[in-house]
Amino acid sequence: MTTTFPLDIASLQAAYRRGELTPPALVDTLLAAGDAQADQSAWITRLTADQLAPYLQRLEGESPDTLPLYGIPFAIKDNIDLAGIPTTAGSPAYAYTPSESAFVVQQLIDAGAIPLGKTNLDQFATGLVGERALSDYGVPANPFDPEVIPGGSSSGSAVVTAAGLVSFALGTDTAGSGRVPACFNNLYGTKPTLGLLSTRGVVPACATLDTISLFTLTADDAARLLDITAVYDDQCAWSREYRFAVHGKRYGSMPARFRFGVPPEPQWQTDAAYTQAMHKAISTLEALGGEKVELDCSPLLAAARLLYEGPWVAERYHVIRDLMKAHPDAIHPITSAITQGGAAPLAVDAFAARYQLAEYKRQSDAVMAQADVMLAPTTLYHPTKADVAQDPIGVNSRLGTWTNFMNLLDYSALAVPIDITEKGLPAGVTLFGQAFDDLTLLSLGRALEARLMLPLGATGHAHPALEELPAPGLNGTLELVVCGAHLDGLPLNHQLTERGGTLVATTQSAPRYRLYALAGGPPWRPAMVRDDTGQAIEVEVWRLPVESLGSFLAGIPAPLGLGQVELADGRWKCGFICAAGALNEAGAAEDITDYRSWRAWLSR
């Protein structure tokens, strides 16, 4: 049983504003829907009406206009603290009751969200299958087909979101524990940059690699949640401060042109359904203006193998070693078999692995630099429960082929739903980028969403219409119009390329500019001055990282500077301008407008 109305944030808030729904009425409906489910294994703890009462009382006198998550129900993976509710990490013997909520959970509650309960998981967040739970809690059923796995380790969070019991859920992601179940449940799975979301109040799996992840029905919901939760926590050792606005990044529509990297098809290793999802994603990105660039991802795949073959398993062992010694029967047999290996590595092994990872990082970053964003399979296929029972470790390993390297290499990632297969199962892909590319990934994920408009989770609800978004954000870059010595191949072009600049387009200005050759040199430099008697001038558009703009500006000599230049298609972009009055100085400049090009004047 699911609700008769969609639970995405925009739809709920619209219903609240129209007076068609109230938070208490919604909670009553969701409690009844949860009671009606034959399988309760997605939850470890469901809050009662009495336990939910304080969260509802806190909303009195508020509205969606005063609280960004007013009355929005959510679930919490049971390795993340909620005040007054036991945190088990999937083991009753490990359980404790925190007096405070995790930092991220408290931010969501403060924003008006209502926690409905704690969800099931692969014990101690060790696994991608969703099948490694003790009999105390059972195994969540995939709402699309109970014969296939739900994915893990954040299995319960994905299932309750897809089933329409909450609007969103928190998971954790160390090796794919957010992205894999998101893929298997037709959800957006946001794996934020490491440290962007505080992990204070989270039971660690690998503390150096863990992040809280977000399960949402839409990309817009993920962007809204990230805006609320991506707050620096000075009490968290792993928190990293990053302000997207300061770096010129925002969530919005995508630019008309972008480059996306794709591994060669033999590296995908996907079955027919997931190969089809990749091809569908590629063709859709191309239709959106993307240029596909095939890139060898061997170093990324090599880095992925380090996660369980290297000493990082020792981090998992560090968390539960005392429990393993005192109560070995409290650990799932597969979890125990994997984690026990963490007792063996020596310190020298850890350093050797770090050195190897540093080399893989160097190689992988060189691959990533050739595209604006990367596309890969989320996983290789969708196993059945029988597949996992027959080969529990082997299946799990294959599922992590395209997820294990992300946190090791400090990349951001987003699992995106792409298709519903002939068998009625979801299939998806992953967009990924460098650290703090989170909003770029969500913007592109949203562009895919707008083209595909898949139903919401497993609820059967049609995707609601999407609102118009602002014009493309800078996404950490600035497009700069150049007309002279900075043109490709000319003497000052190195000032762009050494700052990571890339050529976007060769075009012309609007037919309202005059071109002058300034006195002095070499290098010789032009000045382009807006004038209604002017002509269209040949220009290039280069894309620069925002962080490099300050040093670039410092190197621009008078009388030149940066301002706004109109292009032939009517767009205005940042470009070189000349200070007022500079051309009136005797002998300061020669009018070369009739050449219509700095190159043409140089070759006269």
Foldseek 3Di string as FASTA:
>chain_A
DADPFAQAQVRVQVCVVVVVDALVRLLVVLVVVQVPDPDNLFAPDFDDPVRQVVLSVVCPPHGCVRFVRASFEEEEALQFADAQDWRALQFPVRIDHHNHGFPLVVLNSVSHYTYGHHGQFQRNFPFFFQQNHDPVRHGDAQLQHRQFTLTARSRSQLRCCLQNSGQKYKDKAQQQRQQSNLQQFQWKKWDAFWQQAACGRGQDQQVLRMDIIMTHLALVSVQSSSVRGRDADPVGPGHDDDDQVVLQDDFAAADQAWEEEEEPVVLQLADPVQVVLQVQLVVLCVVSHYDYDYFHLVLLLVLLVCCQVALSLLSNCVSCVVVCVPPVVSGRPVNCVSSVVNVPDDPVRVVVSVVSLVVSLVVNVVRQLVTPKYKGFQARYTGTPVVCVVPVVVVRSRRSSPRRRPSSNRKIKMWAWRDQDPSRTTGTIMMIHHHPLSSVRSNVSNSNCQVRQDAGGNNPHGRDDDDHTDDHTLSQKFKEKEAAQCPPPHDCVVLQVVQSKDWDDKAKFAQFWWKKWFDDDDVTTIAIEGHNPGGIAIITIIMGGPVSVVVSQVPDDPQKHWDWTGHNVGDIGIYIHGHPPQVVPPPGIDTPRVLSGNVSVVVD
